[in-house]
C-alpha atoms as a PDB file:
ATOM      1  CA  MET A   1      23.730  56.880   4.857  1.00  0.00           C
ATOM      2  CA  LYS A   2      21.992  55.081   2.355  1.00  0.00           C
ATOM      3  CA  PRO A   3      24.450  52.007   2.520  1.00  0.00           C
ATOM      4  CA  ALA A   4      23.351  51.783   6.277  1.00  0.00           C
ATOM      5  CA  ALA A   5      19.579  52.014   5.629  1.00  0.00           C
ATOM      6  CA  GLY A   6      19.991  49.135   2.857  1.00  0.00           C
ATOM      7  CA  ARG A   7      21.711  46.975   5.313  1.00  0.00           C
ATOM      8  CA  GLY A   8      19.057  47.539   7.870  1.00  0.00           C
ATOM      9  CA  ALA A   9      16.140  46.585   5.680  1.00  0.00           C
ATOM     10  CA  ARG A  10      18.069  43.551   4.487  1.00  0.00           C
ATOM     11  CA  ARG A  11      18.629  42.480   8.196  1.00  0.00           C
ATOM     12  CA  ALA A  12      14.983  43.058   8.918  1.00  0.00           C
ATOM     13  CA  ALA A  13      14.014  41.107   5.691  1.00  0.00           C
ATOM     14  CA  LEU A  14      16.348  38.306   6.574  1.00  0.00           C
ATOM     15  CA  ALA A  15      14.877  38.270  10.335  1.00  0.00           C
ATOM     16  CA  GLY A  16      11.252  37.971   8.743  1.00  0.00           C
ATOM     17  CA  LEU A  17      12.107  35.127   6.541  1.00  0.00           C
ATOM     18  CA  ALA A  18      14.008  33.345   9.617  1.00  0.00           C
ATOM     19  CA  LEU A  19      11.015  34.028  11.713  1.00  0.00           C
ATOM     20  CA  ALA A  20       8.672  32.861   8.999  1.00  0.00           C
ATOM     21  CA  CYS A  21      10.805  29.568   8.388  1.00  0.00           C
ATOM     22  CA  GLY A  22      10.575  28.836  12.054  1.00  0.00           C
ATOM     23  CA  CYS A  23       6.932  29.032  11.922  1.00  0.00           C
ATOM     24  CA  LEU A  24       6.325  26.953   8.889  1.00  0.00           C
ATOM     25  CA  PRO A  25       6.353  23.374  10.886  1.00  0.00           C
ATOM     26  CA  ALA A  26       3.632  25.042  13.011  1.00  0.00           C
ATOM     27  CA  LEU A  27       1.558  25.748   9.976  1.00  0.00           C
ATOM     28  CA  ALA A  28       2.379  22.422   8.325  1.00  0.00           C
ATOM     29  CA  GLY A  29      -0.060  20.666  11.034  1.00  0.00           C
ATOM     30  CA  PRO A  30       0.603  17.717  13.041  1.00  0.00           C
ATOM     31  CA  PRO A  31       3.126  15.054  12.078  1.00  0.00           C
ATOM     32  CA  ALA A  32       1.670  12.107  10.018  1.00  0.00           C
ATOM     33  CA  SER A  33       0.980   9.150  12.389  1.00  0.00           C
ATOM     34  CA  SER A  34       3.072   6.049  11.948  1.00  0.00           C
ATOM     35  CA  PRO A  35       1.671   3.320   9.924  1.00  0.00           C
ATOM     36  CA  VAL A  36      -0.943   0.667  11.449  1.00  0.00           C
ATOM     37  CA  MET A  37       0.816  -2.691  12.042  1.00  0.00           C
ATOM     38  CA  ILE A  38      -1.686  -4.949  10.045  1.00  0.00           C
ATOM     39  CA  ALA A  39      -1.319  -8.933  10.094  1.00  0.00           C
ATOM     40  CA  VAL A  40      -2.367  -9.883   6.493  1.00  0.00           C
ATOM     41  CA  PHE A  41      -3.269 -13.608   6.488  1.00  0.00           C
ATOM     42  CA  GLU A  42      -3.342 -15.848   3.211  1.00  0.00           C
ATOM     43  CA  PHE A  43      -6.727 -15.345   1.168  1.00  0.00           C
ATOM     44  CA  GLU A  44      -8.895 -18.351   1.416  1.00  0.00           C
ATOM     45  CA  LEU A  45     -11.077 -19.657  -1.449  1.00  0.00           C
ATOM     46  CA  VAL A  46     -14.645 -20.750  -1.217  1.00  0.00           C
ATOM     47  CA  ASP A  47     -15.278 -22.408  -4.527  1.00  0.00           C
ATOM     48  CA  ALA A  48     -19.087 -22.639  -5.001  1.00  0.00           C
ATOM     49  CA  SER A  49     -18.596 -22.833  -8.891  1.00  0.00           C
ATOM     50  CA  PRO A  50     -20.612 -25.660 -10.795  1.00  0.00           C
ATOM     51  CA  ALA A  51     -17.453 -27.103 -12.078  1.00  0.00           C
ATOM     52  CA  ALA A  52     -15.900 -27.512  -8.411  1.00  0.00           C
ATOM     53  CA  VAL A  53     -19.292 -28.873  -7.084  1.00  0.00           C
ATOM     54  CA  LEU A  54     -19.532 -31.457 -10.043  1.00  0.00           C
ATOM     55  CA  LEU A  55     -15.732 -32.425  -9.528  1.00  0.00           C
ATOM     56  CA  GLY A  56     -15.865 -32.558  -5.681  1.00  0.00           C
ATOM     57  CA  LYS A  57     -12.591 -30.134  -5.623  1.00  0.00           C
ATOM     58  CA  SER A  58     -11.547 -26.805  -6.559  1.00  0.00           C
ATOM     59  CA  THR A  59     -10.899 -25.733  -9.863  1.00  0.00           C
ATOM     60  CA  SER A  60      -8.553 -22.960  -8.773  1.00  0.00           C
ATOM     61  CA  ALA A  61      -4.785 -22.883  -8.389  1.00  0.00           C
ATOM     62  CA  ALA A  62      -3.226 -22.346  -5.094  1.00  0.00           C
ATOM     63  CA  ALA A  63      -0.784 -20.018  -6.618  1.00  0.00           C
ATOM     64  CA  THR A  64      -3.455 -17.822  -7.829  1.00  0.00           C
ATOM     65  CA  LEU A  65      -4.455 -17.306  -4.245  1.00  0.00           C
ATOM     66  CA  ASP A  66      -0.694 -16.675  -3.380  1.00  0.00           C
ATOM     67  CA  LYS A  67      -0.804 -13.741  -5.901  1.00  0.00           C
ATOM     68  CA  VAL A  68      -3.931 -12.401  -4.664  1.00  0.00           C
ATOM     69  CA  THR A  69      -2.569 -12.090  -1.032  1.00  0.00           C
ATOM     70  CA  SER A  70       0.686 -10.628  -2.402  1.00  0.00           C
ATOM     71  CA  ALA A  71      -1.668  -7.943  -4.162  1.00  0.00           C
ATOM     72  CA  ALA A  72      -3.245  -7.227  -0.984  1.00  0.00           C
ATOM     73  CA  ARG A  73      -0.150  -6.761   1.079  1.00  0.00           C
ATOM     74  CA  ASP A  74       1.333  -4.639  -1.680  1.00  0.00           C
ATOM     75  CA  GLU A  75      -1.523  -2.309  -2.025  1.00  0.00           C
ATOM     76  CA  LEU A  76      -1.786  -1.804   1.677  1.00  0.00           C
ATOM     77  CA  ALA A  77       1.897  -1.276   2.163  1.00  0.00           C
ATOM     78  CA  HIS A  78       2.048   1.054  -0.856  1.00  0.00           C
ATOM     79  CA  SER A  79      -0.663   3.130   0.831  1.00  0.00           C
ATOM     80  CA  GLY A  80       1.776   4.424   3.568  1.00  0.00           C
ATOM     81  CA  ARG A  81      -1.075   3.838   6.209  1.00  0.00           C
ATOM     82  CA  TYR A  82      -0.182   0.152   6.919  1.00  0.00           C
ATOM     83  CA  GLN A  83       2.877  -1.746   8.014  1.00  0.00           C
ATOM     84  CA  VAL A  84       2.280  -5.265   6.735  1.00  0.00           C
ATOM     85  CA  ILE A  85       3.085  -8.319   8.759  1.00  0.00           C
ATOM     86  CA  ASP A  86       3.113 -11.586   6.482  1.00  0.00           C
ATOM     87  CA  ALA A  87       1.079 -13.913   8.774  1.00  0.00           C
ATOM     88  CA  SER A  88       1.313 -16.815   6.227  1.00  0.00           C
ATOM     89  CA  LYS A  89       4.923 -17.488   6.699  1.00  0.00           C
ATOM     90  CA  THR A  90       4.545 -18.016  10.720  1.00  0.00           C
ATOM     91  CA  ALA A  91       3.425 -21.050  12.128  1.00  0.00           C
ATOM     92  CA  VAL A  92       0.921 -19.590  14.782  1.00  0.00           C
ATOM     93  CA  PRO A  93      -0.490 -22.132  17.410  1.00  0.00           C
ATOM     94  CA  GLY A  94      -4.308 -22.085  17.609  1.00  0.00           C
ATOM     95  CA  ALA A  95      -4.672 -21.568  13.852  1.00  0.00           C
ATOM     96  CA  PRO A  96      -7.778 -23.660  12.771  1.00  0.00           C
ATOM     97  CA  ALA A  97      -6.736 -26.067   9.981  1.00  0.00           C
ATOM     98  CA  LYS A  98      -9.843 -25.801   8.283  1.00  0.00           C
ATOM     99  CA  GLY A  99      -9.646 -21.924   7.674  1.00  0.00           C
ATOM    100  CA  LEU A 100      -9.752 -18.549   9.518  1.00  0.00           C
ATOM    101  CA  ARG A 101     -12.873 -17.819   7.819  1.00  0.00           C
ATOM    102  CA  ASP A 102     -14.892 -20.455  10.003  1.00  0.00           C
ATOM    103  CA  CYS A 103     -13.275 -19.512  13.340  1.00  0.00           C
ATOM    104  CA  ASP A 104     -15.480 -16.379  14.277  1.00  0.00           C
ATOM    105  CA  GLY A 105     -12.833 -13.636  14.461  1.00  0.00           C
ATOM    106  CA  CYS A 106     -10.038 -15.678  15.871  1.00  0.00           C
ATOM    107  CA  GLU A 107      -7.438 -14.300  13.271  1.00  0.00           C
ATOM    108  CA  ALA A 108      -7.329 -10.896  15.520  1.00  0.00           C
ATOM    109  CA  ALA A 109      -5.979 -12.952  18.535  1.00  0.00           C
ATOM    110  CA  LEU A 110      -3.618 -14.543  16.203  1.00  0.00           C
ATOM    111  CA  ALA A 111      -2.383 -11.148  14.714  1.00  0.00           C
ATOM    112  CA  LEU A 112      -2.148  -9.989  18.398  1.00  0.00           C
ATOM    113  CA  GLN A 113       0.441 -12.651  18.896  1.00  0.00           C
ATOM    114  CA  LEU A 114       2.320 -11.503  15.897  1.00  0.00           C
ATOM    115  CA  GLY A 115       2.664  -7.856  17.321  1.00  0.00           C
ATOM    116  CA  ALA A 116       0.039  -6.461  14.973  1.00  0.00           C
ATOM    117  CA  GLU A 117      -2.623  -3.715  15.904  1.00  0.00           C
ATOM    118  CA  GLN A 118      -5.093  -5.158  13.336  1.00  0.00           C
ATOM    119  CA  SER A 119      -5.726  -8.102  11.223  1.00  0.00           C
ATOM    120  CA  LEU A 120      -7.046  -8.860   7.731  1.00  0.00           C
ATOM    121  CA  LEU A 121      -8.904 -11.743   6.521  1.00  0.00           C
ATOM    122  CA  GLY A 122      -9.579 -12.007   2.890  1.00  0.00           C
ATOM    123  CA  ILE A 123     -11.980 -14.500   1.294  1.00  0.00           C
ATOM    124  CA  VAL A 124     -12.224 -15.248  -2.787  1.00  0.00           C
ATOM    125  CA  GLN A 125     -15.764 -16.628  -3.133  1.00  0.00           C
ATOM    126  CA  ARG A 126     -15.883 -18.157  -6.763  1.00  0.00           C
ATOM    127  CA  ALA A 127     -19.623 -18.413  -8.013  1.00  0.00           C
ATOM    128  CA  THR A 128     -18.860 -19.581 -11.573  1.00  0.00           C
ATOM    129  CA  GLN A 129     -15.533 -19.867 -13.701  1.00  0.00           C
ATOM    130  CA  THR A 130     -15.797 -16.023 -14.622  1.00  0.00           C
ATOM    131  CA  ASP A 131     -17.932 -14.747 -11.651  1.00  0.00           C
ATOM    132  CA  TYR A 132     -16.162 -14.204  -8.026  1.00  0.00           C
ATOM    133  CA  TYR A 133     -16.650 -12.139  -4.892  1.00  0.00           C
ATOM    134  CA  VAL A 134     -14.088 -10.577  -2.866  1.00  0.00           C
ATOM    135  CA  VAL A 135     -14.553 -10.261   0.854  1.00  0.00           C
ATOM    136  CA  ILE A 136     -12.224  -8.338   3.186  1.00  0.00           C
ATOM    137  CA  GLN A 137     -12.636  -8.276   7.005  1.00  0.00           C
ATOM    138  CA  ILE A 138     -10.386  -6.044   9.111  1.00  0.00           C
ATOM    139  CA  ARG A 139     -10.533  -6.544  12.998  1.00  0.00           C
ATOM    140  CA  ASP A 140      -8.928  -4.910  15.912  1.00  0.00           C
ATOM    141  CA  ALA A 141      -6.234  -7.011  17.189  1.00  0.00           C
ATOM    142  CA  HIS A 142      -6.854  -6.322  20.834  1.00  0.00           C
ATOM    143  CA  SER A 143     -10.695  -6.667  20.961  1.00  0.00           C
ATOM    144  CA  GLY A 144     -11.494  -8.658  18.174  1.00  0.00           C
ATOM    145  CA  LYS A 145     -14.090  -6.166  16.995  1.00  0.00           C
ATOM    146  CA  LEU A 146     -14.656  -5.982  13.526  1.00  0.00           C
ATOM    147  CA  ILE A 147     -13.318  -2.377  12.201  1.00  0.00           C
ATOM    148  CA  ASP A 148     -14.230  -2.823   8.412  1.00  0.00           C
ATOM    149  CA  GLN A 149     -15.709  -5.223   6.192  1.00  0.00           C
ATOM    150  CA  GLN A 150     -16.013  -4.734   2.533  1.00  0.00           C
ATOM    151  CA  ASP A 151     -16.850  -7.079  -0.504  1.00  0.00           C
ATOM    152  CA  ALA A 152     -17.229  -6.478  -4.226  1.00  0.00           C
ATOM    153  CA  ASN A 153     -18.507  -8.620  -7.083  1.00  0.00           C
ATOM    154  CA  PHE A 154     -16.243  -9.155 -10.096  1.00  0.00           C
ATOM    155  CA  ALA A 155     -15.967 -10.907 -13.559  1.00  0.00           C
ATOM    156  CA  GLY A 156     -13.256 -12.440 -15.151  1.00  0.00           C
ATOM    157  CA  SER A 157     -10.975 -15.481 -15.200  1.00  0.00           C
ATOM    158  CA  GLU A 158      -8.889 -16.103 -11.919  1.00  0.00           C
ATOM    159  CA  ASP A 159      -6.018 -14.408 -13.431  1.00  0.00           C
ATOM    160  CA  GLY A 160      -7.856 -11.117 -12.739  1.00  0.00           C
ATOM    161  CA  TRP A 161      -8.217 -11.895  -8.893  1.00  0.00           C
ATOM    162  CA  PRO A 162      -5.155  -9.980  -7.903  1.00  0.00           C
ATOM    163  CA  SER A 163      -6.273  -6.832  -9.717  1.00  0.00           C
ATOM    164  CA  GLY A 164     -10.003  -7.074  -8.155  1.00  0.00           C
ATOM    165  CA  VAL A 165      -8.434  -7.368  -4.766  1.00  0.00           C
ATOM    166  CA  ARG A 166      -6.222  -4.352  -5.148  1.00  0.00           C
ATOM    167  CA  MET A 167      -9.159  -2.260  -6.605  1.00  0.00           C
ATOM    168  CA  LEU A 168     -11.392  -3.410  -3.662  1.00  0.00           C
ATOM    169  CA  ILE A 169      -8.575  -2.156  -1.235  1.00  0.00           C
ATOM    170  CA  LYS A 170      -7.852   1.091  -3.251  1.00  0.00           C
ATOM    171  CA  HIS A 171     -11.431   1.997  -3.649  1.00  0.00           C
ATOM    172  CA  GLN A 172     -13.398   0.739  -0.695  1.00  0.00           C
ATOM    173  CA  VAL A 173     -10.685  -0.268   2.301  1.00  0.00           C
ATOM    174  CA  LEU A 174      -8.413   2.794   2.012  1.00  0.00           C
ATOM    175  CA  ALA A 175     -11.292   5.100   0.827  1.00  0.00           C
ATOM    176  CA  THR A 176     -13.259   4.745   4.048  1.00  0.00           C
ATOM    177  CA  ARG A 177     -10.268   5.364   6.101  1.00  0.00           C
ATOM    178  CA  GLU A 178      -9.483   8.842   4.936  1.00  0.00           C
END
């Protein structure tokens, strides 16, 4: 008789385990939402450094802004919250030649044309050779409404700009969306 009773207890335990395993997905909560499609435009430079004013031209290398933009895209993509659309490689009709920072949110409509839900416009404002600000604006692509704007002041050479952008995104942009 003991063997039969042992089998019944084992079956009951297995049935309970199966029931518990079936409930685990419900206990885990809702599935994670899909990443937001965001069009990240090339970062723009406003060089107000005394050297640029004196020379009448920017003292920063275009390659540095490419690295800054790449750092921003990488940080957003690695967060898992965003699927990045590289807006720099696409020729979009209507994009102002002067820069998106001066078009009062027109980047949102351009992002929508690219299939994005949101747009990101970044600006590096150089104050001196070793002092700069980073501004990031995120807009809803459908309405053009500003969703988030973050900025920070950093010190260091332009070699550090990509790091500054990563820190701003990680500690301010992504932190406000948790």
